[in-house]
C-alpha atoms as a PDB file:
ATOM      1  CA  UNK A   1     329.282 105.005  67.652  1.00  0.00           C
ATOM      2  CA  UNK A   2     328.644 101.275  68.202  1.00  0.00           C
ATOM      3  CA  UNK A   3     328.222 100.478  71.897  1.00  0.00           C
ATOM      4  CA  UNK A   4     330.944  98.199  73.257  1.00  0.00           C
ATOM      5  CA  UNK A   5     329.692  94.821  74.306  1.00  0.00           C
ATOM      6  CA  UNK A   6     332.216  92.700  76.501  1.00  0.00           C
ATOM      7  CA  UNK A   7     332.495  88.924  75.995  1.00  0.00           C
ATOM      8  CA  UNK A   8     330.344  87.114  78.404  1.00  0.00           C
ATOM      9  CA  UNK A   9     332.253  83.878  78.149  1.00  0.00           C
ATOM     10  CA  UNK A  10     335.965  83.045  77.573  1.00  0.00           C
ATOM     11  CA  UNK A  11     336.862  80.609  74.897  1.00  0.00           C
ATOM     12  CA  UNK A  12     338.136  77.242  75.899  1.00  0.00           C
ATOM     13  CA  UNK A  13     341.833  76.832  75.044  1.00  0.00           C
ATOM     14  CA  UNK A  14     342.601  73.189  74.715  1.00  0.00           C
ATOM     15  CA  UNK A  15     346.315  73.641  74.913  1.00  0.00           C
ATOM     16  CA  UNK A  16     346.281  75.100  78.436  1.00  0.00           C
ATOM     17  CA  UNK A  17     348.655  73.058  80.643  1.00  0.00           C
ATOM     18  CA  UNK A  18     346.813  71.594  83.596  1.00  0.00           C
ATOM     19  CA  UNK A  19     349.625  71.023  86.101  1.00  0.00           C
ATOM     20  CA  UNK A  20     352.453  72.869  87.656  1.00  0.00           C
ATOM     21  CA  UNK A  21     353.244  70.121  90.165  1.00  0.00           C
ATOM     22  CA  UNK A  22     357.029  70.233  90.466  1.00  0.00           C
ATOM     23  CA  UNK A  23     359.531  68.076  92.388  1.00  0.00           C
ATOM     24  CA  UNK A  24     359.814  70.487  95.368  1.00  0.00           C
ATOM     25  CA  UNK A  25     355.964  70.607  95.553  1.00  0.00           C
ATOM     26  CA  UNK A  26     355.793  66.878  96.042  1.00  0.00           C
ATOM     27  CA  UNK A  27     358.724  66.896  98.412  1.00  0.00           C
ATOM     28  CA  UNK A  28     357.306  69.694 100.397  1.00  0.00           C
ATOM     29  CA  UNK A  29     353.871  67.911 100.811  1.00  0.00           C
ATOM     30  CA  UNK A  30     355.570  64.731 101.831  1.00  0.00           C
ATOM     31  CA  UNK A  31     357.672  66.598 104.448  1.00  0.00           C
ATOM     32  CA  UNK A  32     354.586  68.366 105.846  1.00  0.00           C
ATOM     33  CA  UNK A  33     352.777  65.054 106.431  1.00  0.00           C
ATOM     34  CA  UNK A  34     355.882  63.560 108.225  1.00  0.00           C
ATOM     35  CA  UNK A  35     355.878  66.614 110.457  1.00  0.00           C
ATOM     36  CA  UNK A  36     352.359  66.700 111.608  1.00  0.00           C
ATOM     37  CA  UNK A  37     352.913  64.892 114.888  1.00  0.00           C
ATOM     38  CA  UNK A  38     355.027  67.947 115.988  1.00  0.00           C
ATOM     39  CA  UNK A  39     352.746  70.677 114.663  1.00  0.00           C
ATOM     40  CA  UNK A  40     350.165  72.220 116.801  1.00  0.00           C
ATOM     41  CA  UNK A  41     348.471  74.520 114.423  1.00  0.00           C
ATOM     42  CA  UNK A  42     348.035  75.340 110.773  1.00  0.00           C
ATOM     43  CA  UNK A  43     347.659  78.783 108.890  1.00  0.00           C
ATOM     44  CA  UNK A  44     346.432  78.261 105.373  1.00  0.00           C
ATOM     45  CA  UNK A  45     346.919  81.167 102.844  1.00  0.00           C
ATOM     46  CA  UNK A  46     344.711  81.780  99.934  1.00  0.00           C
ATOM     47  CA  UNK A  47     344.791  84.516  97.301  1.00  0.00           C
ATOM     48  CA  UNK A  48     341.909  86.901  97.887  1.00  0.00           C
ATOM     49  CA  UNK A  49     341.618  87.648  94.042  1.00  0.00           C
ATOM     50  CA  UNK A  50     340.947  83.746  93.474  1.00  0.00           C
ATOM     51  CA  UNK A  51     339.754  82.908  96.920  1.00  0.00           C
ATOM     52  CA  UNK A  52     338.144  79.550  95.958  1.00  0.00           C
ATOM     53  CA  UNK A  53     340.455  78.495  93.106  1.00  0.00           C
ATOM     54  CA  UNK A  54     343.537  79.054  95.272  1.00  0.00           C
ATOM     55  CA  UNK A  55     342.320  76.338  97.651  1.00  0.00           C
ATOM     56  CA  UNK A  56     344.520  73.263  97.271  1.00  0.00           C
ATOM     57  CA  UNK A  57     342.511  70.165  98.139  1.00  0.00           C
ATOM     58  CA  UNK A  58     345.704  68.334  98.762  1.00  0.00           C
ATOM     59  CA  UNK A  59     345.951  70.164 102.050  1.00  0.00           C
ATOM     60  CA  UNK A  60     342.479  68.968 103.168  1.00  0.00           C
ATOM     61  CA  UNK A  61     343.678  65.443 102.609  1.00  0.00           C
ATOM     62  CA  UNK A  62     347.132  65.882 104.156  1.00  0.00           C
ATOM     63  CA  UNK A  63     346.394  68.055 107.144  1.00  0.00           C
ATOM     64  CA  UNK A  64     343.127  66.499 108.186  1.00  0.00           C
ATOM     65  CA  UNK A  65     341.265  68.069 111.155  1.00  0.00           C
ATOM     66  CA  UNK A  66     344.224  69.964 112.663  1.00  0.00           C
ATOM     67  CA  UNK A  67     343.442  73.341 114.316  1.00  0.00           C
ATOM     68  CA  UNK A  68     343.775  76.057 111.589  1.00  0.00           C
ATOM     69  CA  UNK A  69     343.085  79.517 110.574  1.00  0.00           C
ATOM     70  CA  UNK A  70     342.659  80.887 107.114  1.00  0.00           C
ATOM     71  CA  UNK A  71     344.250  84.017 105.725  1.00  0.00           C
ATOM     72  CA  UNK A  72     343.201  85.614 102.501  1.00  0.00           C
ATOM     73  CA  UNK A  73     346.233  87.558 101.175  1.00  0.00           C
ATOM     74  CA  UNK A  74     346.438  90.534  98.821  1.00  0.00           C
ATOM     75  CA  UNK A  75     343.013  91.829  99.774  1.00  0.00           C
ATOM     76  CA  UNK A  76     344.098  95.352  98.651  1.00  0.00           C
ATOM     77  CA  UNK A  77     344.670  93.996  95.042  1.00  0.00           C
ATOM     78  CA  UNK A  78     341.129  92.435  94.868  1.00  0.00           C
ATOM     79  CA  UNK A  79     338.923  95.343  96.166  1.00  0.00           C
ATOM     80  CA  UNK A  80     338.894  98.842  97.110  1.00  0.00           C
ATOM     81  CA  UNK A  81     339.436  99.382 100.817  1.00  0.00           C
ATOM     82  CA  UNK A  82     336.249  99.531 102.863  1.00  0.00           C
ATOM     83  CA  UNK A  83     334.183  99.387  99.938  1.00  0.00           C
ATOM     84  CA  UNK A  84     330.682  97.751  99.900  1.00  0.00           C
ATOM     85  CA  UNK A  85     332.097  95.015  97.474  1.00  0.00           C
ATOM     86  CA  UNK A  86     334.972  94.398  99.817  1.00  0.00           C
ATOM     87  CA  UNK A  87     332.554  93.962 102.867  1.00  0.00           C
ATOM     88  CA  UNK A  88     330.269  91.621 100.872  1.00  0.00           C
ATOM     89  CA  UNK A  89     333.135  89.475  99.656  1.00  0.00           C
ATOM     90  CA  UNK A  90     334.480  89.060 103.159  1.00  0.00           C
ATOM     91  CA  UNK A  91     331.102  88.043 104.492  1.00  0.00           C
ATOM     92  CA  UNK A  92     330.817  85.413 101.827  1.00  0.00           C
ATOM     93  CA  UNK A  93     334.315  84.090 102.350  1.00  0.00           C
ATOM     94  CA  UNK A  94     333.831  83.777 106.104  1.00  0.00           C
ATOM     95  CA  UNK A  95     330.550  81.811 105.464  1.00  0.00           C
ATOM     96  CA  UNK A  96     332.625  79.358 103.260  1.00  0.00           C
ATOM     97  CA  UNK A  97     334.627  78.220 106.251  1.00  0.00           C
ATOM     98  CA  UNK A  98     332.408  78.557 109.284  1.00  0.00           C
ATOM     99  CA  UNK A  99     334.592  76.219 111.407  1.00  0.00           C
ATOM    100  CA  UNK A 100     337.769  78.200 110.933  1.00  0.00           C
ATOM    101  CA  UNK A 101     338.831  81.719 112.016  1.00  0.00           C
ATOM    102  CA  UNK A 102     339.213  83.794 108.832  1.00  0.00           C
ATOM    103  CA  UNK A 103     341.467  86.916 108.390  1.00  0.00           C
ATOM    104  CA  UNK A 104     342.270  89.293 105.528  1.00  0.00           C
ATOM    105  CA  UNK A 105     345.708  90.835 104.871  1.00  0.00           C
ATOM    106  CA  UNK A 106     346.950  93.345 102.215  1.00  0.00           C
ATOM    107  CA  UNK A 107     350.010  92.958 100.087  1.00  0.00           C
ATOM    108  CA  UNK A 108     351.827  95.897 101.556  1.00  0.00           C
ATOM    109  CA  UNK A 109     350.610  96.819 105.078  1.00  0.00           C
ATOM    110  CA  UNK A 110     352.040  95.154 108.202  1.00  0.00           C
ATOM    111  CA  UNK A 111     349.279  96.558 110.421  1.00  0.00           C
ATOM    112  CA  UNK A 112     346.571  94.106 109.377  1.00  0.00           C
ATOM    113  CA  UNK A 113     348.346  91.043 110.957  1.00  0.00           C
ATOM    114  CA  UNK A 114     347.776  92.383 114.442  1.00  0.00           C
ATOM    115  CA  UNK A 115     344.467  90.594 114.692  1.00  0.00           C
ATOM    116  CA  UNK A 116     346.096  87.385 113.691  1.00  0.00           C
ATOM    117  CA  UNK A 117     348.766  87.815 116.327  1.00  0.00           C
ATOM    118  CA  UNK A 118     345.974  88.410 118.982  1.00  0.00           C
ATOM    119  CA  UNK A 119     344.099  85.196 117.773  1.00  0.00           C
ATOM    120  CA  UNK A 120     347.205  83.010 117.849  1.00  0.00           C
ATOM    121  CA  UNK A 121     348.254  84.318 121.174  1.00  0.00           C
ATOM    122  CA  UNK A 122     344.890  83.223 122.640  1.00  0.00           C
ATOM    123  CA  UNK A 123     344.257  80.092 120.555  1.00  0.00           C
ATOM    124  CA  UNK A 124     347.615  78.579 119.664  1.00  0.00           C
ATOM    125  CA  UNK A 125     348.741  76.475 122.595  1.00  0.00           C
ATOM    126  CA  UNK A 126     351.303  73.581 122.525  1.00  0.00           C
ATOM    127  CA  UNK A 127     350.799  70.502 124.542  1.00  0.00           C
ATOM    128  CA  UNK A 128     354.458  70.404 125.275  1.00  0.00           C
ATOM    129  CA  UNK A 129     355.124  73.686 126.810  1.00  0.00           C
ATOM    130  CA  UNK A 130     358.927  73.239 126.599  1.00  0.00           C
ATOM    131  CA  UNK A 131     359.310  73.341 122.846  1.00  0.00           C
ATOM    132  CA  UNK A 132     356.717  75.975 122.149  1.00  0.00           C
ATOM    133  CA  UNK A 133     353.818  76.033 119.783  1.00  0.00           C
ATOM    134  CA  UNK A 134     354.778  75.260 116.202  1.00  0.00           C
ATOM    135  CA  UNK A 135     352.563  76.617 113.453  1.00  0.00           C
ATOM    136  CA  UNK A 136     352.792  75.518 109.772  1.00  0.00           C
ATOM    137  CA  UNK A 137     352.066  78.162 107.144  1.00  0.00           C
ATOM    138  CA  UNK A 138     350.769  76.493 103.860  1.00  0.00           C
ATOM    139  CA  UNK A 139     349.325  77.577 100.625  1.00  0.00           C
ATOM    140  CA  UNK A 140     349.710  77.525  96.778  1.00  0.00           C
ATOM    141  CA  UNK A 141     352.803  78.983  95.348  1.00  0.00           C
ATOM    142  CA  UNK A 142     353.252  82.687  95.566  1.00  0.00           C
ATOM    143  CA  UNK A 143     350.171  83.339  97.659  1.00  0.00           C
ATOM    144  CA  UNK A 144     352.164  85.459 100.073  1.00  0.00           C
ATOM    145  CA  UNK A 145     353.201  82.950 102.794  1.00  0.00           C
ATOM    146  CA  UNK A 146     356.762  84.303 103.410  1.00  0.00           C
ATOM    147  CA  UNK A 147     355.350  87.957 103.355  1.00  0.00           C
ATOM    148  CA  UNK A 148     352.837  87.069 106.008  1.00  0.00           C
ATOM    149  CA  UNK A 149     355.457  85.417 108.178  1.00  0.00           C
ATOM    150  CA  UNK A 150     357.709  88.345 107.962  1.00  0.00           C
ATOM    151  CA  UNK A 151     354.882  90.673 108.909  1.00  0.00           C
ATOM    152  CA  UNK A 152     353.798  88.481 111.774  1.00  0.00           C
ATOM    153  CA  UNK A 153     357.421  88.523 113.101  1.00  0.00           C
ATOM    154  CA  UNK A 154     357.530  92.252 112.850  1.00  0.00           C
ATOM    155  CA  UNK A 155     354.273  92.695 114.584  1.00  0.00           C
ATOM    156  CA  UNK A 156     354.734  90.070 117.179  1.00  0.00           C
ATOM    157  CA  UNK A 157     358.262  90.376 118.326  1.00  0.00           C
ATOM    158  CA  UNK A 158     359.394  93.652 116.609  1.00  0.00           C
ATOM    159  CA  UNK A 159     362.041  91.991 114.389  1.00  0.00           C
ATOM    160  CA  UNK A 160     363.019  92.476 110.738  1.00  0.00           C
ATOM    161  CA  UNK A 161     362.017  90.044 108.143  1.00  0.00           C
ATOM    162  CA  UNK A 162     363.456  86.507 108.284  1.00  0.00           C
ATOM    163  CA  UNK A 163     362.500  85.143 104.854  1.00  0.00           C
ATOM    164  CA  UNK A 164     363.224  85.938 101.325  1.00  0.00           C
ATOM    165  CA  UNK A 165     360.241  86.959  99.196  1.00  0.00           C
ATOM    166  CA  UNK A 166     359.730  87.516  95.461  1.00  0.00           C
ATOM    167  CA  UNK A 167     357.352  88.195  92.534  1.00  0.00           C
ATOM    168  CA  UNK A 168     357.563  84.694  90.985  1.00  0.00           C
ATOM    169  CA  UNK A 169     356.765  81.424  92.712  1.00  0.00           C
ATOM    170  CA  UNK A 170     359.418  78.990  93.929  1.00  0.00           C
ATOM    171  CA  UNK A 171     361.372  81.267  96.262  1.00  0.00           C
ATOM    172  CA  UNK A 172     360.733  78.865  99.094  1.00  0.00           C
ATOM    173  CA  UNK A 173     361.676  75.382  98.040  1.00  0.00           C
ATOM    174  CA  UNK A 174     361.917  73.603 101.422  1.00  0.00           C
ATOM    175  CA  UNK A 175     360.335  73.940 104.834  1.00  0.00           C
ATOM    176  CA  UNK A 176     362.241  76.717 106.597  1.00  0.00           C
ATOM    177  CA  UNK A 177     363.634  77.015 109.941  1.00  0.00           C
ATOM    178  CA  UNK A 178     361.178  78.106 112.526  1.00  0.00           C
ATOM    179  CA  UNK A 179     360.661  81.694 113.246  1.00  0.00           C
ATOM    180  CA  UNK A 180     359.371  83.022 116.530  1.00  0.00           C
ATOM    181  CA  UNK A 181     356.391  85.460 116.198  1.00  0.00           C
ATOM    182  CA  UNK A 182     354.946  85.538 119.793  1.00  0.00           C
ATOM    183  CA  UNK A 183     356.805  85.512 123.183  1.00  0.00           C
ATOM    184  CA  UNK A 184     354.755  84.618 126.317  1.00  0.00           C
ATOM    185  CA  UNK A 185     355.711  85.303 129.818  1.00  0.00           C
ATOM    186  CA  UNK A 186     353.532  82.262 130.771  1.00  0.00           C
ATOM    187  CA  UNK A 187     353.051  79.336 128.474  1.00  0.00           C
ATOM    188  CA  UNK A 188     354.768  78.444 125.206  1.00  0.00           C
ATOM    189  CA  UNK A 189     356.102  80.865 122.761  1.00  0.00           C
ATOM    190  CA  UNK A 190     354.716  80.536 119.186  1.00  0.00           C
ATOM    191  CA  UNK A 191     357.008  79.738 116.105  1.00  0.00           C
ATOM    192  CA  UNK A 192     355.985  79.575 112.544  1.00  0.00           C
ATOM    193  CA  UNK A 193     357.413  77.408 109.752  1.00  0.00           C
ATOM    194  CA  UNK A 194     357.400  78.452 106.149  1.00  0.00           C
ATOM    195  CA  UNK A 195     356.687  75.852 103.481  1.00  0.00           C
ATOM    196  CA  UNK A 196     357.112  75.588  99.737  1.00  0.00           C
ATOM    197  CA  UNK A 197     353.904  76.561  97.883  1.00  0.00           C
ATOM    198  CA  UNK A 198     352.296  73.315  96.749  1.00  0.00           C
ATOM    199  CA  UNK A 199     350.471  73.182  93.539  1.00  0.00           C
ATOM    200  CA  UNK A 200     347.758  70.632  92.605  1.00  0.00           C
ATOM    201  CA  UNK A 201     348.932  67.544  90.646  1.00  0.00           C
ATOM    202  CA  UNK A 202     346.075  68.221  88.048  1.00  0.00           C
ATOM    203  CA  UNK A 203     343.584  71.009  87.432  1.00  0.00           C
ATOM    204  CA  UNK A 204     340.538  69.677  85.786  1.00  0.00           C
ATOM    205  CA  UNK A 205     339.202  73.024  84.599  1.00  0.00           C
ATOM    206  CA  UNK A 206     341.454  74.943  82.211  1.00  0.00           C
ATOM    207  CA  UNK A 207     339.888  78.289  83.339  1.00  0.00           C
ATOM    208  CA  UNK A 208     341.011  77.567  86.903  1.00  0.00           C
ATOM    209  CA  UNK A 209     344.673  77.098  85.579  1.00  0.00           C
ATOM    210  CA  UNK A 210     344.363  80.482  83.848  1.00  0.00           C
ATOM    211  CA  UNK A 211     343.060  82.131  87.026  1.00  0.00           C
ATOM    212  CA  UNK A 212     346.149  80.685  89.080  1.00  0.00           C
ATOM    213  CA  UNK A 213     348.532  81.654  86.324  1.00  0.00           C
ATOM    214  CA  UNK A 214     347.173  85.200  86.209  1.00  0.00           C
ATOM    215  CA  UNK A 215     347.555  85.594  89.997  1.00  0.00           C
ATOM    216  CA  UNK A 216     351.144  84.397  89.751  1.00  0.00           C
ATOM    217  CA  UNK A 217     350.851  80.868  91.185  1.00  0.00           C
ATOM    218  CA  UNK A 218     352.827  79.492  88.280  1.00  0.00           C
ATOM    219  CA  UNK A 219     355.785  81.004  86.520  1.00  0.00           C
ATOM    220  CA  UNK A 220     355.012  83.316  83.749  1.00  0.00           C
ATOM    221  CA  UNK A 221     356.541  81.089  80.969  1.00  0.00           C
ATOM    222  CA  UNK A 222     354.157  78.179  81.710  1.00  0.00           C
ATOM    223  CA  UNK A 223     351.216  79.686  79.811  1.00  0.00           C
ATOM    224  CA  UNK A 224     351.551  82.247  76.928  1.00  0.00           C
ATOM    225  CA  UNK A 225     351.471  85.750  78.237  1.00  0.00           C
ATOM    226  CA  UNK A 226     349.405  86.806  75.391  1.00  0.00           C
ATOM    227  CA  UNK A 227     346.721  84.170  76.347  1.00  0.00           C
ATOM    228  CA  UNK A 228     346.753  85.354  79.857  1.00  0.00           C
ATOM    229  CA  UNK A 229     346.272  89.089  78.868  1.00  0.00           C
ATOM    230  CA  UNK A 230     343.414  87.907  76.806  1.00  0.00           C
ATOM    231  CA  UNK A 231     341.893  86.178  79.813  1.00  0.00           C
ATOM    232  CA  UNK A 232     342.634  89.332  81.943  1.00  0.00           C
ATOM    233  CA  UNK A 233     341.040  91.550  79.219  1.00  0.00           C
ATOM    234  CA  UNK A 234     337.900  89.436  79.427  1.00  0.00           C
ATOM    235  CA  UNK A 235     337.745  90.075  83.141  1.00  0.00           C
ATOM    236  CA  UNK A 236     338.596  93.709  82.886  1.00  0.00           C
ATOM    237  CA  UNK A 237     335.928  94.426  80.297  1.00  0.00           C
ATOM    238  CA  UNK A 238     333.307  92.774  82.634  1.00  0.00           C
ATOM    239  CA  UNK A 239     334.254  95.280  85.413  1.00  0.00           C
ATOM    240  CA  UNK A 240     335.666  98.446  83.901  1.00  0.00           C
ATOM    241  CA  UNK A 241     337.067  98.724  80.360  1.00  0.00           C
ATOM    242  CA  UNK A 242     338.137 102.292  80.994  1.00  0.00           C
ATOM    243  CA  UNK A 243     341.069 101.280  83.058  1.00  0.00           C
ATOM    244  CA  UNK A 244     343.194 100.800  79.860  1.00  0.00           C
ATOM    245  CA  UNK A 245     341.820 103.948  77.938  1.00  0.00           C
ATOM    246  CA  UNK A 246     345.336 105.403  77.860  1.00  0.00           C
ATOM    247  CA  UNK A 247     346.193 102.861  75.247  1.00  0.00           C
ATOM    248  CA  UNK A 248     343.053 101.743  73.642  1.00  0.00           C
ATOM    249  CA  UNK A 249     339.236 102.144  73.178  1.00  0.00           C
ATOM    250  CA  UNK A 250     337.217  99.202  74.792  1.00  0.00           C
ATOM    251  CA  UNK A 251     337.988  96.127  72.753  1.00  0.00           C
ATOM    252  CA  UNK A 252     337.718  92.383  72.921  1.00  0.00           C
ATOM    253  CA  UNK A 253     340.688  91.912  70.666  1.00  0.00           C
ATOM    254  CA  UNK A 254     343.938  91.265  72.742  1.00  0.00           C
ATOM    255  CA  UNK A 255     346.530  91.690  69.969  1.00  0.00           C
ATOM    256  CA  UNK A 256     345.729  95.171  68.785  1.00  0.00           C
ATOM    257  CA  UNK A 257     345.433  96.199  72.529  1.00  0.00           C
ATOM    258  CA  UNK A 258     349.000  94.857  73.175  1.00  0.00           C
ATOM    259  CA  UNK A 259     350.393  96.381  70.031  1.00  0.00           C
ATOM    260  CA  UNK A 260     349.034  99.765  71.008  1.00  0.00           C
ATOM    261  CA  UNK A 261     350.210  99.322  74.540  1.00  0.00           C
ATOM    262  CA  UNK A 262     353.670  98.362  73.296  1.00  0.00           C
ATOM    263  CA  UNK A 263     354.062 101.371  71.113  1.00  0.00           C
ATOM    264  CA  UNK A 264     352.964 103.875  73.723  1.00  0.00           C
ATOM    265  CA  UNK A 265     355.091 102.230  76.513  1.00  0.00           C
ATOM    266  CA  UNK A 266     358.200 101.867  74.323  1.00  0.00           C
ATOM    267  CA  UNK A 267     358.228  98.109  74.359  1.00  0.00           C
ATOM    268  CA  UNK A 268     359.475  97.752  70.802  1.00  0.00           C
ATOM    269  CA  UNK A 269     361.729  95.174  68.983  1.00  0.00           C
ATOM    270  CA  UNK A 270     363.958  95.772  65.986  1.00  0.00           C
ATOM    271  CA  UNK A 271     362.540  98.154  63.530  1.00  0.00           C
ATOM    272  CA  UNK A 272     360.042  99.486  65.920  1.00  0.00           C
ATOM    273  CA  UNK A 273     358.000  96.293  65.840  1.00  0.00           C
ATOM    274  CA  UNK A 274     355.802  95.903  68.899  1.00  0.00           C
ATOM    275  CA  UNK A 275     357.078  93.338  71.373  1.00  0.00           C
ATOM    276  CA  UNK A 276     353.678  91.820  72.101  1.00  0.00           C
ATOM    277  CA  UNK A 277     354.984  89.177  74.584  1.00  0.00           C
ATOM    278  CA  UNK A 278     356.995  91.764  76.553  1.00  0.00           C
ATOM    279  CA  UNK A 279     353.988  94.004  76.504  1.00  0.00           C
ATOM    280  CA  UNK A 280     351.873  91.201  77.711  1.00  0.00           C
ATOM    281  CA  UNK A 281     354.185  90.522  80.677  1.00  0.00           C
ATOM    282  CA  UNK A 282     354.240  94.273  81.545  1.00  0.00           C
ATOM    283  CA  UNK A 283     350.312  94.428  81.233  1.00  0.00           C
ATOM    284  CA  UNK A 284     349.889  91.481  83.582  1.00  0.00           C
ATOM    285  CA  UNK A 285     352.381  92.957  86.071  1.00  0.00           C
ATOM    286  CA  UNK A 286     350.483  96.201  86.124  1.00  0.00           C
ATOM    287  CA  UNK A 287     347.251  94.403  87.024  1.00  0.00           C
ATOM    288  CA  UNK A 288     349.121  92.332  89.632  1.00  0.00           C
ATOM    289  CA  UNK A 289     350.127  95.575  91.248  1.00  0.00           C
ATOM    290  CA  UNK A 290     346.459  96.990  91.218  1.00  0.00           C
ATOM    291  CA  UNK A 291     346.882  99.414  88.359  1.00  0.00           C
ATOM    292  CA  UNK A 292     344.247  97.865  86.039  1.00  0.00           C
ATOM    293  CA  UNK A 293     341.300  97.257  88.314  1.00  0.00           C
ATOM    294  CA  UNK A 294     340.952  95.459  91.575  1.00  0.00           C
ATOM    295  CA  UNK A 295     338.516  92.523  91.259  1.00  0.00           C
ATOM    296  CA  UNK A 296     337.999  88.857  91.927  1.00  0.00           C
ATOM    297  CA  UNK A 297     338.428  86.379  89.035  1.00  0.00           C
ATOM    298  CA  UNK A 298     336.293  83.951  91.061  1.00  0.00           C
ATOM    299  CA  UNK A 299     332.555  84.222  90.985  1.00  0.00           C
ATOM    300  CA  UNK A 300     331.552  83.684  94.541  1.00  0.00           C
ATOM    301  CA  UNK A 301     327.772  83.433  93.669  1.00  0.00           C
ATOM    302  CA  UNK A 302     328.519  80.499  91.420  1.00  0.00           C
ATOM    303  CA  UNK A 303     330.855  78.940  93.883  1.00  0.00           C
ATOM    304  CA  UNK A 304     328.253  79.103  96.611  1.00  0.00           C
ATOM    305  CA  UNK A 305     325.737  77.398  94.343  1.00  0.00           C
ATOM    306  CA  UNK A 306     328.345  74.579  93.780  1.00  0.00           C
ATOM    307  CA  UNK A 307     328.696  74.227  97.530  1.00  0.00           C
ATOM    308  CA  UNK A 308     324.969  73.986  97.954  1.00  0.00           C
ATOM    309  CA  UNK A 309     324.485  71.456  95.215  1.00  0.00           C
ATOM    310  CA  UNK A 310     324.429  67.925  96.813  1.00  0.00           C
ATOM    311  CA  UNK A 311     325.413  66.405  93.369  1.00  0.00           C
ATOM    312  CA  UNK A 312     328.581  68.448  92.987  1.00  0.00           C
ATOM    313  CA  UNK A 313     331.555  66.239  92.347  1.00  0.00           C
ATOM    314  CA  UNK A 314     333.832  65.634  95.239  1.00  0.00           C
ATOM    315  CA  UNK A 315     337.373  67.118  95.116  1.00  0.00           C
ATOM    316  CA  UNK A 316     340.119  64.648  93.749  1.00  0.00           C
ATOM    317  CA  UNK A 317     342.224  62.771  96.121  1.00  0.00           C
ATOM    318  CA  UNK A 318     345.925  62.749  95.406  1.00  0.00           C
ATOM    319  CA  UNK A 319     345.772  59.355  93.727  1.00  0.00           C
ATOM    320  CA  UNK A 320     342.941  60.388  91.507  1.00  0.00           C
ATOM    321  CA  UNK A 321     344.725  63.571  90.642  1.00  0.00           C
ATOM    322  CA  UNK A 322     347.935  61.724  89.560  1.00  0.00           C
ATOM    323  CA  UNK A 323     345.870  59.250  87.610  1.00  0.00           C
ATOM    324  CA  UNK A 324     344.146  62.127  85.751  1.00  0.00           C
ATOM    325  CA  UNK A 325     347.436  63.712  85.064  1.00  0.00           C
ATOM    326  CA  UNK A 326     348.874  60.472  83.428  1.00  0.00           C
ATOM    327  CA  UNK A 327     345.707  60.084  81.523  1.00  0.00           C
ATOM    328  CA  UNK A 328     345.777  63.648  80.167  1.00  0.00           C
ATOM    329  CA  UNK A 329     349.495  63.156  78.998  1.00  0.00           C
ATOM    330  CA  UNK A 330     348.571  59.863  77.334  1.00  0.00           C
ATOM    331  CA  UNK A 331     345.488  60.994  75.436  1.00  0.00           C
ATOM    332  CA  UNK A 332     346.377  64.658  74.760  1.00  0.00           C
ATOM    333  CA  UNK A 333     349.977  65.334  74.738  1.00  0.00           C
ATOM    334  CA  UNK A 334     349.570  68.915  73.776  1.00  0.00           C
ATOM    335  CA  UNK A 335     347.538  69.632  76.924  1.00  0.00           C
ATOM    336  CA  UNK A 336     349.809  68.525  79.725  1.00  0.00           C
ATOM    337  CA  UNK A 337     352.714  70.823  80.647  1.00  0.00           C
ATOM    338  CA  UNK A 338     356.161  69.438  79.920  1.00  0.00           C
ATOM    339  CA  UNK A 339     357.985  70.932  82.862  1.00  0.00           C
END
């Protein structure tokens, strides 16, 4: 039997859209900027599975040097609890932002926000004690901002969730009414405001767009689900190809895998033909729920090397990003997303 050899690179798909910057993203970012004079603190959420790619450089430009803490969400979907890999990842991520407090939360547990509540109780103070401390929660679409706020509210003041959540991005489309998460006998109470997830105007690296789509930061119809499964398969094979052994032997071929998966899970069209697109969406959903391996799609070693390289390119400003988007649409109409 021939030994299985996984792909060590993923092919460059030229037709991958490079943007998901919708109207409510732009409006939300503009509103955030206009509110900064009344904001005392910022909580920035990032997806633990793509901890570097889910950083939006627009926030650095818009929020400046405001006091902030960073929360990596969905930790349970990116590594096994208390594993050596998890501990190593957390040390590296904390070293990436030495000036900010860094926390990690899971997609389901409410208990792991207690450390955030304690930190905010001690660190989040408003200059105007009468109106309380206002905390702005920001992040890419669908990184778990609303879920975090609901858990902070439950842990801090013992109340049920105040915000609607969902599996697809775009649930929050405008800055929500402030929600109290901490009551103080002395000093100001702490309130948080949910914001629309804000995507980047332009993603220079097509693979980063695939990572964000795979983690659910863009709607599932923006990039072909079969292409996303192909990219997911590439990562799964590098970690543990046995996670899909119920449906197939280890393979680098996505279509045969999806056809086998469709037949065995009953995802069939007329005449018993495998519904490959439906199978692809189901396959992706299973990974997002932690059923097909728990791993990062970012290479933290490579990211650290980029940070240590003095010749690395600086992140784009908003103006540069918008100019790049227009240029891509003008020169390569098939690359830009027609949203």
